[in-house]
Amino acid sequence: MAAAWLVASNAQRRRNIGFWIFILSNVLWVVWGVHTSAYALIALQVCLAALNVRGLFKTGEPK
């Protein structure tokens, strides 16, 4: 919830922090997926992490 709140901010620094929190959560879910052999969860989190990385790069682009 904190990451979503930060990503919705108008301040670039807060948006970046939000994306980093989302990426951290993706990593933690992947660790859990590996631990439980939940391969669909791992695949989902890899895709979501890619979107979060894209968002991290796009948040710094001028409008």
N, C-alpha and C. Protein backbone atom coordinates (compact mmCIF):
# COMPACT_ATOMS: atom_id res chain seq x y z
N MET A 1 0.83 -1.19 0.00
CA MET A 1 0.00 0.00 0.00
C MET A 1 0.87 1.25 0.00
N ALA A 2 1.95 1.21 0.76
CA ALA A 2 2.84 2.37 0.81
C ALA A 2 3.44 2.65 -0.57
N ALA A 3 3.84 1.60 -1.27
CA ALA A 3 4.43 1.78 -2.60
C ALA A 3 3.42 2.39 -3.56
N ALA A 4 2.20 1.92 -3.53
CA ALA A 4 1.16 2.47 -4.41
C ALA A 4 0.90 3.94 -4.08
N TRP A 5 0.89 4.27 -2.81
CA TRP A 5 0.69 5.65 -2.38
C TRP A 5 1.82 6.53 -2.91
N LEU A 6 3.05 6.04 -2.79
CA LEU A 6 4.21 6.82 -3.24
C LEU A 6 4.25 6.96 -4.76
N VAL A 7 3.92 5.89 -5.48
CA VAL A 7 3.95 5.93 -6.94
C VAL A 7 2.93 6.95 -7.46
N ALA A 8 1.86 7.17 -6.75
CA ALA A 8 0.84 8.12 -7.18
C ALA A 8 1.21 9.57 -6.87
N SER A 9 2.34 9.79 -6.23
CA SER A 9 2.76 11.13 -5.85
C SER A 9 3.16 11.97 -7.07
N ASN A 10 3.06 13.27 -6.92
CA ASN A 10 3.52 14.20 -7.96
C ASN A 10 5.03 14.42 -7.89
N ALA A 11 5.64 14.10 -6.76
CA ALA A 11 7.08 14.31 -6.57
C ALA A 11 7.86 13.13 -7.15
N GLN A 12 8.81 13.42 -8.00
CA GLN A 12 9.60 12.37 -8.66
C GLN A 12 10.32 11.48 -7.63
N ARG A 13 10.89 12.08 -6.61
CA ARG A 13 11.62 11.29 -5.60
C ARG A 13 10.71 10.27 -4.92
N ARG A 14 9.51 10.69 -4.58
CA ARG A 14 8.56 9.76 -3.94
C ARG A 14 8.15 8.65 -4.90
N ARG A 15 7.93 8.99 -6.17
CA ARG A 15 7.58 7.95 -7.16
C ARG A 15 8.71 6.94 -7.27
N ASN A 16 9.95 7.41 -7.32
CA ASN A 16 11.09 6.50 -7.41
C ASN A 16 11.15 5.57 -6.20
N ILE A 17 10.95 6.12 -5.02
CA ILE A 17 10.95 5.30 -3.81
C ILE A 17 9.85 4.25 -3.89
N GLY A 18 8.68 4.63 -4.36
CA GLY A 18 7.57 3.69 -4.52
C GLY A 18 7.91 2.55 -5.45
N PHE A 19 8.55 2.87 -6.59
CA PHE A 19 8.93 1.81 -7.51
C PHE A 19 9.98 0.89 -6.90
N TRP A 20 10.91 1.45 -6.14
CA TRP A 20 11.92 0.60 -5.47
C TRP A 20 11.27 -0.32 -4.44
N ILE A 21 10.26 0.18 -3.74
CA ILE A 21 9.54 -0.69 -2.79
C ILE A 21 8.82 -1.80 -3.53
N PHE A 22 8.19 -1.46 -4.66
CA PHE A 22 7.54 -2.50 -5.47
C PHE A 22 8.55 -3.55 -5.94
N ILE A 23 9.72 -3.11 -6.38
CA ILE A 23 10.75 -4.04 -6.84
C ILE A 23 11.22 -4.93 -5.69
N LEU A 24 11.39 -4.35 -4.51
CA LEU A 24 11.77 -5.15 -3.34
C LEU A 24 10.70 -6.21 -3.05
N SER A 25 9.43 -5.82 -3.16
CA SER A 25 8.36 -6.79 -2.91
C SER A 25 8.37 -7.89 -3.98
N ASN A 26 8.68 -7.54 -5.23
CA ASN A 26 8.80 -8.56 -6.28
C ASN A 26 9.89 -9.56 -5.94
N VAL A 27 11.03 -9.06 -5.47
CA VAL A 27 12.14 -9.95 -5.10
C VAL A 27 11.73 -10.88 -3.96
N LEU A 28 11.06 -10.32 -2.96
CA LEU A 28 10.64 -11.14 -1.82
C LEU A 28 9.62 -12.20 -2.24
N TRP A 29 8.70 -11.86 -3.15
CA TRP A 29 7.74 -12.84 -3.65
C TRP A 29 8.44 -13.94 -4.45
N VAL A 30 9.46 -13.56 -5.21
CA VAL A 30 10.21 -14.57 -5.97
C VAL A 30 10.92 -15.52 -5.01
N VAL A 31 11.50 -14.98 -3.96
CA VAL A 31 12.15 -15.84 -2.95
C VAL A 31 11.14 -16.82 -2.37
N TRP A 32 9.95 -16.32 -2.03
CA TRP A 32 8.91 -17.19 -1.50
C TRP A 32 8.47 -18.22 -2.56
N GLY A 33 8.36 -17.80 -3.80
CA GLY A 33 7.97 -18.71 -4.87
C GLY A 33 9.00 -19.81 -5.08
N VAL A 34 10.26 -19.48 -4.98
CA VAL A 34 11.31 -20.50 -5.10
C VAL A 34 11.21 -21.48 -3.92
N HIS A 35 11.00 -20.93 -2.74
CA HIS A 35 10.90 -21.76 -1.54
C HIS A 35 9.74 -22.76 -1.62
N THR A 36 8.63 -22.33 -2.22
CA THR A 36 7.44 -23.18 -2.28
C THR A 36 7.23 -23.83 -3.65
N SER A 37 8.19 -23.65 -4.56
CA SER A 37 8.10 -24.19 -5.93
C SER A 37 6.86 -23.68 -6.67
N ALA A 38 6.51 -22.42 -6.43
CA ALA A 38 5.35 -21.81 -7.08
C ALA A 38 5.84 -21.06 -8.33
N TYR A 39 5.97 -21.81 -9.42
CA TYR A 39 6.58 -21.26 -10.62
C TYR A 39 5.72 -20.20 -11.31
N ALA A 40 4.42 -20.31 -11.21
CA ALA A 40 3.54 -19.29 -11.78
C ALA A 40 3.71 -17.97 -11.02
N LEU A 41 3.86 -18.05 -9.71
CA LEU A 41 4.10 -16.86 -8.90
C LEU A 41 5.42 -16.20 -9.29
N ILE A 42 6.43 -17.01 -9.51
CA ILE A 42 7.74 -16.49 -9.92
C ILE A 42 7.62 -15.78 -11.27
N ALA A 43 6.96 -16.41 -12.21
CA ALA A 43 6.79 -15.81 -13.54
C ALA A 43 6.02 -14.49 -13.45
N LEU A 44 4.97 -14.47 -12.66
CA LEU A 44 4.19 -13.25 -12.48
C LEU A 44 5.05 -12.14 -11.90
N GLN A 45 5.82 -12.45 -10.88
CA GLN A 45 6.64 -11.43 -10.23
C GLN A 45 7.75 -10.92 -11.13
N VAL A 46 8.29 -11.78 -11.98
CA VAL A 46 9.31 -11.33 -12.94
C VAL A 46 8.68 -10.33 -13.90
N CYS A 47 7.48 -10.63 -14.38
CA CYS A 47 6.78 -9.71 -15.29
C CYS A 47 6.45 -8.39 -14.59
N LEU A 48 5.96 -8.47 -13.37
CA LEU A 48 5.63 -7.25 -12.63
C LEU A 48 6.89 -6.44 -12.33
N ALA A 49 7.99 -7.11 -12.03
CA ALA A 49 9.25 -6.41 -11.79
C ALA A 49 9.69 -5.67 -13.05
N ALA A 50 9.51 -6.29 -14.21
CA ALA A 50 9.86 -5.62 -15.47
C ALA A 50 9.03 -4.35 -15.64
N LEU A 51 7.75 -4.41 -15.32
CA LEU A 51 6.91 -3.22 -15.40
C LEU A 51 7.36 -2.15 -14.41
N ASN A 52 7.75 -2.58 -13.22
CA ASN A 52 8.22 -1.63 -12.21
C ASN A 52 9.54 -0.98 -12.62
N VAL A 53 10.42 -1.74 -13.23
CA VAL A 53 11.68 -1.17 -13.72
C VAL A 53 11.39 -0.16 -14.83
N ARG A 54 10.46 -0.50 -15.71
CA ARG A 54 10.06 0.44 -16.76
C ARG A 54 9.50 1.72 -16.15
N GLY A 55 8.66 1.58 -15.15
CA GLY A 55 8.10 2.75 -14.47
C GLY A 55 9.17 3.58 -13.79
N LEU A 56 10.16 2.91 -13.23
CA LEU A 56 11.26 3.61 -12.58
C LEU A 56 12.01 4.48 -13.59
N PHE A 57 12.25 3.96 -14.78
CA PHE A 57 12.93 4.73 -15.81
C PHE A 57 12.05 5.84 -16.37
N LYS A 58 10.77 5.56 -16.52
CA LYS A 58 9.87 6.56 -17.13
C LYS A 58 9.52 7.68 -16.17
N THR A 59 9.65 7.48 -14.90
CA THR A 59 9.29 8.53 -13.94
C THR A 59 10.21 9.74 -14.04
N GLY A 60 11.40 9.55 -14.60
CA GLY A 60 12.33 10.66 -14.73
C GLY A 60 12.26 11.38 -16.05
N GLU A 61 11.45 10.88 -16.98
CA GLU A 61 11.34 11.50 -18.29
C GLU A 61 10.49 12.77 -18.23
N PRO A 62 10.90 13.81 -18.94
CA PRO A 62 10.08 15.01 -18.97
C PRO A 62 8.78 14.77 -19.73
N LYS A 63 7.75 15.52 -19.37
CA LYS A 63 6.44 15.35 -20.01
C LYS A 63 6.35 16.17 -21.26
